[in-house]
Amino acid sequence: MCQLLGISSTGTSPTPYCSSMLKPFCSRGGLTDIHSHGWGLAWYHANAWNVINETEPACTSNKATEIIPLHLDTAKNLICHIRYATVGAVSISNVHPFKRKLFSHEFVFAHNGDVPMFDNKKPSSLSEDEGSFRPVGETDSEFVFCTILNHLQANFDSLPSLAELHVAIEEICFDIAQEQEGTILNFLLGIGDVIFAFSWPGARKGSTTWNGLFYTLKNADNMRATCSSGSQVAVITTKPLTDDQSWTEFKKGDLILFVNGRAVSSEKLHELEKYEYVLQ
C-alpha cells in the first residue's frame, strides 16, 4: 500500500531534523521499498496549502529532491505521500495529496489503506443527496476524502471549531471503517494550520505488511543541534523512520490533532480553545 509522512511544527525552521526524516521516506518511493507509483507533497505556508504531485517515483524525481528541502525552511506543516497503486491507474489524478476548498478554507488529504466500500464505485455514482464533492480520480482514497467533506458540509454552515471538527470527523471515520470487514483507513487531513491524523490499521488479506500510523515528538530540549530555540516538531508516518528515538503507535480508532508540533488527543479536547485562532 501507500505510505504517509506528516510534519507539524512551530514554523521556526527545524530544517535539518525534518530533512533527516524526508530523505529515508522518499527513498521508500521505489528504492528501499516498492512505493514507486507516484508521490505528492502538500506544504502549508502564508495561510495556504500548496500541492505538487507526480507519477514518477519519489526516489528518482528531481522535484522531490529539490522542492521538498526548499520548502522546509518556511512551511509549518507538510504532508507527503508515496503511492503503491492498488486501486486506480498510475495517473496524476490518482496521486495524493488531494486538495479541495470548503467553508472558504483549503483541505488537503492523503490516505494509506484499503476501503472496500468504495472499490467498485465511480465518481458519478455519488448522488446529489450525498453532497457536492465528487472524486476526480478512481481511488478509494479520494472517495473517503469527498465523503468526509460532504459530511462536514451537511452538518455545518461554516467552518466549526476544532473540537466540533474532531467530533464530526471521528463520527464519519468510524462509519466508514466499520461499514465493511477488511477496511484499513489511515490518513492525514490538513486544514489551515493543523493536521488531523486517523488510524484504523490492519493488513491486507494474504499480506503480513502492517499498515498503521506512528508519531514522535521533538522539542528544543532534545533538538539543540537541529532546531531553532523554542521549536517543536511532530512527525507522523506509516512506519518509524528511525531506530534511535521513541515512536508511539496510534491505537485503532485514534483521531489525533497535531498543531504547532504538539499532539492533542480526544481526551484533551478542552485544550483546543487556545488554538482556535489557527482556523480563523
C-alpha atoms as a PDB file:
ATOM      1  CA  MET A   1       0.000   0.000   0.000  1.00  0.00           C
ATOM      2  CA  CYS A   2       0.940   3.653   0.094  1.00  0.00           C
ATOM      3  CA  GLN A   3       2.909   5.393   2.834  1.00  0.00           C
ATOM      4  CA  LEU A   4       2.345   8.668   4.638  1.00  0.00           C
ATOM      5  CA  LEU A   5       4.518  11.308   6.245  1.00  0.00           C
ATOM      6  CA  GLY A   6       3.240  14.331   8.124  1.00  0.00           C
ATOM      7  CA  ILE A   7       5.189  17.076   9.869  1.00  0.00           C
ATOM      8  CA  SER A   8       3.710  19.683  12.190  1.00  0.00           C
ATOM      9  CA  SER A   9       5.971  22.329  13.671  1.00  0.00           C
ATOM     10  CA  THR A  10       6.078  25.752  15.261  1.00  0.00           C
ATOM     11  CA  GLY A  11       7.428  27.097  11.998  1.00  0.00           C
ATOM     12  CA  THR A  12      10.807  28.130  13.353  1.00  0.00           C
ATOM     13  CA  SER A  13      12.810  26.297  10.699  1.00  0.00           C
ATOM     14  CA  PRO A  14      13.593  22.847  12.134  1.00  0.00           C
ATOM     15  CA  THR A  15      15.049  22.007   8.713  1.00  0.00           C
ATOM     16  CA  PRO A  16      17.906  19.598   9.499  1.00  0.00           C
ATOM     17  CA  TYR A  17      15.706  17.383  11.641  1.00  0.00           C
ATOM     18  CA  CYS A  18      12.889  17.302   9.081  1.00  0.00           C
ATOM     19  CA  SER A  19      15.318  16.583   6.261  1.00  0.00           C
ATOM     20  CA  SER A  20      16.574  13.597   8.204  1.00  0.00           C
ATOM     21  CA  MET A  21      13.021  12.229   8.089  1.00  0.00           C
ATOM     22  CA  LEU A  22      12.189  13.123   4.497  1.00  0.00           C
ATOM     23  CA  LYS A  23      15.231  11.540   2.889  1.00  0.00           C
ATOM     24  CA  PRO A  24      14.581   7.968   4.076  1.00  0.00           C
ATOM     25  CA  PHE A  25      10.865   8.438   3.427  1.00  0.00           C
ATOM     26  CA  CYS A  26      11.411   9.411  -0.217  1.00  0.00           C
ATOM     27  CA  SER A  27      13.840   6.503  -0.590  1.00  0.00           C
ATOM     28  CA  ARG A  28      10.921   4.204   0.170  1.00  0.00           C
ATOM     29  CA  GLY A  29       9.366   5.546  -3.029  1.00  0.00           C
ATOM     30  CA  GLY A  30      10.983   2.950  -5.269  1.00  0.00           C
ATOM     31  CA  LEU A  31      14.489   2.498  -3.825  1.00  0.00           C
ATOM     32  CA  THR A  32      14.254   0.850  -0.403  1.00  0.00           C
ATOM     33  CA  ASP A  33      10.583  -0.093  -0.822  1.00  0.00           C
ATOM     34  CA  ILE A  34       8.013  -0.675  -3.571  1.00  0.00           C
ATOM     35  CA  HIS A  35       6.033   2.577  -3.463  1.00  0.00           C
ATOM     36  CA  SER A  36       7.035   3.751  -6.936  1.00  0.00           C
ATOM     37  CA  HIS A  37       3.698   4.776  -8.488  1.00  0.00           C
ATOM     38  CA  GLY A  38       3.940   8.477  -7.786  1.00  0.00           C
ATOM     39  CA  TRP A  39       4.473  10.880  -4.946  1.00  0.00           C
ATOM     40  CA  GLY A  40       2.942  14.088  -3.687  1.00  0.00           C
ATOM     41  CA  LEU A  41       3.682  16.886  -1.267  1.00  0.00           C
ATOM     42  CA  ALA A  42       1.431  19.452   0.401  1.00  0.00           C
ATOM     43  CA  TRP A  43       3.030  22.227   2.425  1.00  0.00           C
ATOM     44  CA  TYR A  44       1.369  24.989   4.433  1.00  0.00           C
ATOM     45  CA  HIS A  45       2.832  28.467   4.100  1.00  0.00           C
ATOM     46  CA  ALA A  46       1.424  32.007   4.187  1.00  0.00           C
ATOM     47  CA  ASN A  47      -2.044  30.737   5.127  1.00  0.00           C
ATOM     48  CA  ALA A  48      -2.307  28.457   2.104  1.00  0.00           C
ATOM     49  CA  TRP A  49      -1.805  24.792   1.275  1.00  0.00           C
ATOM     50  CA  ASN A  50       0.356  24.224  -1.803  1.00  0.00           C
ATOM     51  CA  VAL A  51       0.345  20.841  -3.542  1.00  0.00           C
ATOM     52  CA  ILE A  52       2.599  19.172  -6.079  1.00  0.00           C
ATOM     53  CA  ASN A  53       2.017  15.663  -7.464  1.00  0.00           C
ATOM     54  CA  GLU A  54       3.993  13.437  -9.824  1.00  0.00           C
ATOM     55  CA  THR A  55       3.592   9.924 -11.192  1.00  0.00           C
ATOM     56  CA  GLU A  56       7.386   9.443 -11.155  1.00  0.00           C
ATOM     57  CA  PRO A  57       8.924   7.531  -8.217  1.00  0.00           C
ATOM     58  CA  ALA A  58       9.986   9.828  -5.390  1.00  0.00           C
ATOM     59  CA  CYS A  59      13.429   8.256  -5.241  1.00  0.00           C
ATOM     60  CA  THR A  60      14.278   9.374  -8.820  1.00  0.00           C
ATOM     61  CA  SER A  61      12.312  12.621  -9.028  1.00  0.00           C
ATOM     62  CA  ASN A  62      14.324  15.825  -9.334  1.00  0.00           C
ATOM     63  CA  LYS A  63      11.357  17.748  -7.981  1.00  0.00           C
ATOM     64  CA  ALA A  64      11.243  15.573  -4.877  1.00  0.00           C
ATOM     65  CA  THR A  65      14.902  16.213  -4.112  1.00  0.00           C
ATOM     66  CA  GLU A  66      14.747  19.927  -4.979  1.00  0.00           C
ATOM     67  CA  ILE A  67      11.303  21.126  -3.901  1.00  0.00           C
ATOM     68  CA  ILE A  68      10.918  19.280  -0.609  1.00  0.00           C
ATOM     69  CA  PRO A  69      14.095  20.718   1.004  1.00  0.00           C
ATOM     70  CA  LEU A  70      13.280  24.147  -0.445  1.00  0.00           C
ATOM     71  CA  HIS A  71      10.041  24.443   1.495  1.00  0.00           C
ATOM     72  CA  LEU A  72      11.278  23.053   4.780  1.00  0.00           C
ATOM     73  CA  ASP A  73      12.591  26.475   5.728  1.00  0.00           C
ATOM     74  CA  THR A  74       9.192  28.143   5.564  1.00  0.00           C
ATOM     75  CA  ALA A  75       6.443  25.527   5.890  1.00  0.00           C
ATOM     76  CA  LYS A  76       4.874  24.899   9.285  1.00  0.00           C
ATOM     77  CA  ASN A  77       3.138  21.747   8.110  1.00  0.00           C
ATOM     78  CA  LEU A  78       3.947  19.128   5.495  1.00  0.00           C
ATOM     79  CA  ILE A  79       2.012  16.126   4.210  1.00  0.00           C
ATOM     80  CA  CYS A  80       3.911  13.777   1.936  1.00  0.00           C
ATOM     81  CA  HIS A  81       2.638  10.618   0.216  1.00  0.00           C
ATOM     82  CA  ILE A  82       4.296   7.853  -1.797  1.00  0.00           C
ATOM     83  CA  ARG A  83       1.965   5.606  -3.756  1.00  0.00           C
ATOM     84  CA  TYR A  84       1.777   1.899  -4.437  1.00  0.00           C
ATOM     85  CA  ALA A  85      -1.243   1.569  -6.730  1.00  0.00           C
ATOM     86  CA  THR A  86      -3.844  -0.950  -5.551  1.00  0.00           C
ATOM     87  CA  VAL A  87      -6.991   0.919  -6.649  1.00  0.00           C
ATOM     88  CA  GLY A  88      -6.890   3.152  -9.723  1.00  0.00           C
ATOM     89  CA  ALA A  89      -4.389   3.554 -12.544  1.00  0.00           C
ATOM     90  CA  VAL A  90      -0.989   5.191 -12.260  1.00  0.00           C
ATOM     91  CA  SER A  91      -2.129   8.674 -13.250  1.00  0.00           C
ATOM     92  CA  ILE A  92      -1.772  12.174 -11.867  1.00  0.00           C
ATOM     93  CA  SER A  93      -5.450  12.296 -10.836  1.00  0.00           C
ATOM     94  CA  ASN A  94      -4.862   9.345  -8.501  1.00  0.00           C
ATOM     95  CA  VAL A  95      -1.779  10.735  -6.757  1.00  0.00           C
ATOM     96  CA  HIS A  96      -2.196  12.123  -3.241  1.00  0.00           C
ATOM     97  CA  PRO A  97      -2.443  14.581  -1.546  1.00  0.00           C
ATOM     98  CA  PHE A  98      -5.800  15.791  -2.829  1.00  0.00           C
ATOM     99  CA  LYS A  99      -6.968  19.362  -2.233  1.00  0.00           C
ATOM    100  CA  ARG A 100     -10.452  20.901  -2.023  1.00  0.00           C
ATOM    101  CA  LYS A 101     -11.968  24.084  -0.606  1.00  0.00           C
ATOM    102  CA  LEU A 102     -14.825  24.061   1.911  1.00  0.00           C
ATOM    103  CA  PHE A 103     -16.107  26.948   4.051  1.00  0.00           C
ATOM    104  CA  SER A 104     -13.522  29.163   2.268  1.00  0.00           C
ATOM    105  CA  HIS A 105     -10.713  27.021   3.730  1.00  0.00           C
ATOM    106  CA  GLU A 106      -8.358  24.619   1.972  1.00  0.00           C
ATOM    107  CA  PHE A 107      -8.415  20.952   2.958  1.00  0.00           C
ATOM    108  CA  VAL A 108      -5.676  18.514   1.889  1.00  0.00           C
ATOM    109  CA  PHE A 109      -5.823  14.755   2.300  1.00  0.00           C
ATOM    110  CA  ALA A 110      -3.555  11.723   1.903  1.00  0.00           C
ATOM    111  CA  HIS A 111      -4.502   8.133   2.689  1.00  0.00           C
ATOM    112  CA  ASN A 112      -2.971   4.727   3.246  1.00  0.00           C
ATOM    113  CA  GLY A 113      -5.125   1.620   3.345  1.00  0.00           C
ATOM    114  CA  ASP A 114      -7.952  -0.188   1.652  1.00  0.00           C
ATOM    115  CA  VAL A 115     -11.625   0.847   1.811  1.00  0.00           C
ATOM    116  CA  PRO A 116     -13.667  -1.910   0.116  1.00  0.00           C
ATOM    117  CA  MET A 117     -16.943   0.021   0.228  1.00  0.00           C
ATOM    118  CA  PHE A 118     -15.539   2.363  -2.437  1.00  0.00           C
ATOM    119  CA  ASP A 119     -13.556  -0.124  -4.534  1.00  0.00           C
ATOM    120  CA  ASN A 120     -16.091  -0.501  -7.326  1.00  0.00           C
ATOM    121  CA  LYS A 121     -17.567   2.983  -7.266  1.00  0.00           C
ATOM    122  CA  LYS A 122     -17.071   5.609  -9.932  1.00  0.00           C
ATOM    123  CA  PRO A 123     -17.101   9.389  -9.376  1.00  0.00           C
ATOM    124  CA  SER A 124     -20.530   9.662 -10.985  1.00  0.00           C
ATOM    125  CA  SER A 125     -22.009   7.151  -8.531  1.00  0.00           C
ATOM    126  CA  LEU A 126     -22.307   9.677  -5.719  1.00  0.00           C
ATOM    127  CA  SER A 127     -25.832  11.048  -5.585  1.00  0.00           C
ATOM    128  CA  GLU A 128     -26.741  14.688  -5.072  1.00  0.00           C
ATOM    129  CA  ASP A 129     -28.025  13.754  -1.618  1.00  0.00           C
ATOM    130  CA  GLU A 130     -24.502  12.757  -0.616  1.00  0.00           C
ATOM    131  CA  GLY A 131     -23.108  16.262  -1.154  1.00  0.00           C
ATOM    132  CA  SER A 132     -21.378  18.364  -3.767  1.00  0.00           C
ATOM    133  CA  PHE A 133     -17.876  16.893  -3.547  1.00  0.00           C
ATOM    134  CA  ARG A 134     -17.008  14.327  -6.226  1.00  0.00           C
ATOM    135  CA  PRO A 135     -13.779  12.402  -6.832  1.00  0.00           C
ATOM    136  CA  VAL A 136     -11.782  13.331  -9.924  1.00  0.00           C
ATOM    137  CA  GLY A 137      -9.751  10.123  -9.982  1.00  0.00           C
ATOM    138  CA  GLU A 138     -10.531   6.469  -9.339  1.00  0.00           C
ATOM    139  CA  THR A 139      -9.122   5.794  -5.878  1.00  0.00           C
ATOM    140  CA  ASP A 140     -10.995   4.709  -2.785  1.00  0.00           C
ATOM    141  CA  SER A 141      -8.829   7.305  -1.024  1.00  0.00           C
ATOM    142  CA  GLU A 142     -10.391  10.235  -2.864  1.00  0.00           C
ATOM    143  CA  PHE A 143     -13.839   8.797  -2.189  1.00  0.00           C
ATOM    144  CA  VAL A 144     -13.021   8.830   1.527  1.00  0.00           C
ATOM    145  CA  PHE A 145     -11.893  12.457   1.295  1.00  0.00           C
ATOM    146  CA  CYS A 146     -15.059  13.532  -0.528  1.00  0.00           C
ATOM    147  CA  THR A 147     -17.212  11.606   1.944  1.00  0.00           C
ATOM    148  CA  ILE A 148     -15.605  13.446   4.862  1.00  0.00           C
ATOM    149  CA  LEU A 149     -16.090  16.823   3.162  1.00  0.00           C
ATOM    150  CA  ASN A 150     -19.703  16.049   2.277  1.00  0.00           C
ATOM    151  CA  HIS A 151     -20.335  15.023   5.890  1.00  0.00           C
ATOM    152  CA  LEU A 152     -18.941  18.334   7.162  1.00  0.00           C
ATOM    153  CA  GLN A 153     -20.883  20.272   4.547  1.00  0.00           C
ATOM    154  CA  ALA A 154     -24.123  18.555   5.585  1.00  0.00           C
ATOM    155  CA  ASN A 155     -23.628  19.270   9.289  1.00  0.00           C
ATOM    156  CA  PHE A 156     -22.223  22.804   9.365  1.00  0.00           C
ATOM    157  CA  ASP A 157     -22.930  26.119   7.631  1.00  0.00           C
ATOM    158  CA  SER A 158     -19.416  27.443   8.236  1.00  0.00           C
ATOM    159  CA  LEU A 159     -16.123  26.104   9.495  1.00  0.00           C
ATOM    160  CA  PRO A 160     -16.748  24.804  13.035  1.00  0.00           C
ATOM    161  CA  SER A 161     -14.356  24.880  15.954  1.00  0.00           C
ATOM    162  CA  LEU A 162     -11.537  22.369  16.177  1.00  0.00           C
ATOM    163  CA  ALA A 163     -13.400  20.472  18.879  1.00  0.00           C
ATOM    164  CA  GLU A 164     -16.510  20.249  16.693  1.00  0.00           C
ATOM    165  CA  LEU A 165     -14.397  19.223  13.703  1.00  0.00           C
ATOM    166  CA  HIS A 166     -12.802  16.488  15.766  1.00  0.00           C
ATOM    167  CA  VAL A 167     -16.185  15.049  16.746  1.00  0.00           C
ATOM    168  CA  ALA A 168     -17.595  15.230  13.201  1.00  0.00           C
ATOM    169  CA  ILE A 169     -14.518  13.723  11.520  1.00  0.00           C
ATOM    170  CA  GLU A 170     -14.338  10.951  14.109  1.00  0.00           C
ATOM    171  CA  GLU A 171     -18.009  10.172  13.538  1.00  0.00           C
ATOM    172  CA  ILE A 172     -17.728   9.736   9.751  1.00  0.00           C
ATOM    173  CA  CYS A 173     -14.429   7.846  10.062  1.00  0.00           C
ATOM    174  CA  PHE A 174     -15.998   5.235  12.342  1.00  0.00           C
ATOM    175  CA  ASP A 175     -18.933   4.930   9.952  1.00  0.00           C
ATOM    176  CA  ILE A 176     -16.576   4.248   7.040  1.00  0.00           C
ATOM    177  CA  ALA A 177     -14.211   1.976   8.980  1.00  0.00           C
ATOM    178  CA  GLN A 178     -16.985  -0.210  10.356  1.00  0.00           C
ATOM    179  CA  GLU A 179     -19.002  -0.419   7.139  1.00  0.00           C
ATOM    180  CA  GLN A 180     -17.185  -3.424   5.707  1.00  0.00           C
ATOM    181  CA  GLU A 181     -14.765  -6.036   7.025  1.00  0.00           C
ATOM    182  CA  GLY A 182     -11.210  -5.608   5.820  1.00  0.00           C
ATOM    183  CA  THR A 183     -11.227  -1.811   5.886  1.00  0.00           C
ATOM    184  CA  ILE A 184      -7.853  -0.192   6.534  1.00  0.00           C
ATOM    185  CA  LEU A 185      -8.109   3.564   6.978  1.00  0.00           C
ATOM    186  CA  ASN A 186      -5.080   5.681   7.833  1.00  0.00           C
ATOM    187  CA  PHE A 187      -4.959   9.298   6.721  1.00  0.00           C
ATOM    188  CA  LEU A 188      -3.598  12.796   7.221  1.00  0.00           C
ATOM    189  CA  LEU A 189      -6.006  15.713   6.787  1.00  0.00           C
ATOM    190  CA  GLY A 190      -4.622  19.238   6.710  1.00  0.00           C
ATOM    191  CA  ILE A 191      -6.992  22.119   7.486  1.00  0.00           C
ATOM    192  CA  GLY A 192      -5.496  25.552   7.808  1.00  0.00           C
ATOM    193  CA  ASP A 193      -2.733  25.429  10.375  1.00  0.00           C
ATOM    194  CA  VAL A 194      -3.491  21.947  11.743  1.00  0.00           C
ATOM    195  CA  ILE A 195      -3.248  18.288  10.750  1.00  0.00           C
ATOM    196  CA  PHE A 196      -5.734  15.623  11.791  1.00  0.00           C
ATOM    197  CA  ALA A 197      -4.424  12.043  11.709  1.00  0.00           C
ATOM    198  CA  PHE A 198      -6.682   8.995  11.901  1.00  0.00           C
ATOM    199  CA  SER A 199      -5.745   5.318  12.107  1.00  0.00           C
ATOM    200  CA  TRP A 200      -7.809   2.198  11.563  1.00  0.00           C
ATOM    201  CA  PRO A 201      -4.864  -0.163  10.997  1.00  0.00           C
ATOM    202  CA  GLY A 202      -4.599  -3.625   9.505  1.00  0.00           C
ATOM    203  CA  ALA A 203      -3.007  -5.904   6.930  1.00  0.00           C
ATOM    204  CA  ARG A 204      -4.495  -6.830   3.567  1.00  0.00           C
ATOM    205  CA  LYS A 205      -5.686 -10.405   3.148  1.00  0.00           C
ATOM    206  CA  GLY A 206      -2.722 -12.623   2.337  1.00  0.00           C
ATOM    207  CA  SER A 207      -0.171  -9.972   3.372  1.00  0.00           C
ATOM    208  CA  THR A 208       1.948  -9.669   6.504  1.00  0.00           C
ATOM    209  CA  THR A 209       2.573  -5.936   5.963  1.00  0.00           C
ATOM    210  CA  TRP A 210       1.003  -3.934   8.776  1.00  0.00           C
ATOM    211  CA  ASN A 211      -0.493  -0.578   7.808  1.00  0.00           C
ATOM    212  CA  GLY A 212      -0.923   1.852  10.670  1.00  0.00           C
ATOM    213  CA  LEU A 213       0.416   5.168  11.913  1.00  0.00           C
ATOM    214  CA  PHE A 214       3.174   6.178  14.313  1.00  0.00           C
ATOM    215  CA  TYR A 215       4.267   9.557  15.625  1.00  0.00           C
ATOM    216  CA  THR A 216       7.158  11.072  17.517  1.00  0.00           C
ATOM    217  CA  LEU A 217       7.528  14.473  19.184  1.00  0.00           C
ATOM    218  CA  LYS A 218      10.637  16.607  19.480  1.00  0.00           C
ATOM    219  CA  ASN A 219      11.268  19.918  21.182  1.00  0.00           C
ATOM    220  CA  ALA A 220      14.121  22.339  21.721  1.00  0.00           C
ATOM    221  CA  ASP A 221      15.375  20.428  24.757  1.00  0.00           C
ATOM    222  CA  ASN A 222      16.262  17.328  22.743  1.00  0.00           C
ATOM    223  CA  MET A 223      16.929  19.001  19.380  1.00  0.00           C
ATOM    224  CA  ARG A 224      19.517  21.579  20.370  1.00  0.00           C
ATOM    225  CA  ALA A 225      21.632  20.953  17.283  1.00  0.00           C
ATOM    226  CA  THR A 226      18.770  20.612  14.832  1.00  0.00           C
ATOM    227  CA  CYS A 227      16.109  23.135  15.812  1.00  0.00           C
ATOM    228  CA  SER A 228      15.896  26.811  16.453  1.00  0.00           C
ATOM    229  CA  SER A 229      15.266  27.867  20.018  1.00  0.00           C
ATOM    230  CA  GLY A 230      11.718  27.103  21.094  1.00  0.00           C
ATOM    231  CA  SER A 231      10.946  24.800  18.177  1.00  0.00           C
ATOM    232  CA  GLN A 232       8.619  21.845  18.492  1.00  0.00           C
ATOM    233  CA  VAL A 233       8.101  19.217  15.812  1.00  0.00           C
ATOM    234  CA  ALA A 234       5.704  16.297  15.456  1.00  0.00           C
ATOM    235  CA  VAL A 235       6.382  13.642  12.817  1.00  0.00           C
ATOM    236  CA  ILE A 236       3.652  11.197  11.763  1.00  0.00           C
ATOM    237  CA  THR A 237       4.440   8.277   9.479  1.00  0.00           C
ATOM    238  CA  THR A 238       3.253   4.858   8.317  1.00  0.00           C
ATOM    239  CA  LYS A 239       6.365   3.138   9.648  1.00  0.00           C
ATOM    240  CA  PRO A 240       9.005   4.591  12.005  1.00  0.00           C
ATOM    241  CA  LEU A 241      11.796   6.296  10.090  1.00  0.00           C
ATOM    242  CA  THR A 242      14.488   5.991  12.741  1.00  0.00           C
ATOM    243  CA  ASP A 243      15.669   3.419  15.270  1.00  0.00           C
ATOM    244  CA  ASP A 244      17.168   5.829  17.780  1.00  0.00           C
ATOM    245  CA  GLN A 245      14.062   7.513  19.167  1.00  0.00           C
ATOM    246  CA  SER A 246      10.683   6.759  20.638  1.00  0.00           C
ATOM    247  CA  TRP A 247       7.714   6.285  18.295  1.00  0.00           C
ATOM    248  CA  THR A 248       4.139   5.964  19.540  1.00  0.00           C
ATOM    249  CA  GLU A 249       1.771   3.764  17.564  1.00  0.00           C
ATOM    250  CA  PHE A 250      -1.796   5.002  17.082  1.00  0.00           C
ATOM    251  CA  LYS A 251      -4.439   2.813  18.693  1.00  0.00           C
ATOM    252  CA  LYS A 252      -7.260   1.568  16.499  1.00  0.00           C
ATOM    253  CA  GLY A 253      -9.710   4.417  16.002  1.00  0.00           C
ATOM    254  CA  ASP A 254      -7.381   7.165  17.237  1.00  0.00           C
ATOM    255  CA  LEU A 255      -8.009  10.610  15.753  1.00  0.00           C
ATOM    256  CA  ILE A 256      -5.216  12.902  16.903  1.00  0.00           C
ATOM    257  CA  LEU A 257      -4.857  16.594  16.170  1.00  0.00           C
ATOM    258  CA  PHE A 258      -1.378  17.954  15.515  1.00  0.00           C
ATOM    259  CA  VAL A 259      -0.832  21.690  15.920  1.00  0.00           C
ATOM    260  CA  ASN A 260       2.399  23.641  16.406  1.00  0.00           C
ATOM    261  CA  GLY A 261       4.356  20.423  16.857  1.00  0.00           C
ATOM    262  CA  ARG A 262       2.047  19.127  19.582  1.00  0.00           C
ATOM    263  CA  ALA A 263      -0.273  16.108  19.636  1.00  0.00           C
ATOM    264  CA  VAL A 264      -3.762  16.689  21.064  1.00  0.00           C
ATOM    265  CA  SER A 265      -5.798  13.533  21.676  1.00  0.00           C
ATOM    266  CA  SER A 266      -9.558  13.311  22.072  1.00  0.00           C
ATOM    267  CA  GLU A 267      -9.126  13.209  25.848  1.00  0.00           C
ATOM    268  CA  LYS A 268      -7.605  16.701  25.700  1.00  0.00           C
ATOM    269  CA  LEU A 269     -10.204  18.433  23.551  1.00  0.00           C
ATOM    270  CA  HIS A 270     -10.624  21.038  26.266  1.00  0.00           C
ATOM    271  CA  GLU A 271      -7.123  22.272  25.419  1.00  0.00           C
ATOM    272  CA  LEU A 272      -8.124  23.172  21.870  1.00  0.00           C
ATOM    273  CA  GLU A 273      -9.683  26.523  22.732  1.00  0.00           C
ATOM    274  CA  LYS A 274      -6.288  28.183  22.878  1.00  0.00           C
ATOM    275  CA  TYR A 275      -5.601  27.054  19.284  1.00  0.00           C
ATOM    276  CA  GLU A 276      -8.843  28.162  17.670  1.00  0.00           C
ATOM    277  CA  TYR A 277      -7.072  31.138  16.082  1.00  0.00           C
ATOM    278  CA  VAL A 278      -5.282  28.875  13.644  1.00  0.00           C
ATOM    279  CA  LEU A 279      -8.512  28.322  11.695  1.00  0.00           C
ATOM    280  CA  GLN A 280      -9.527  31.979  11.506  1.00  0.00           C
END
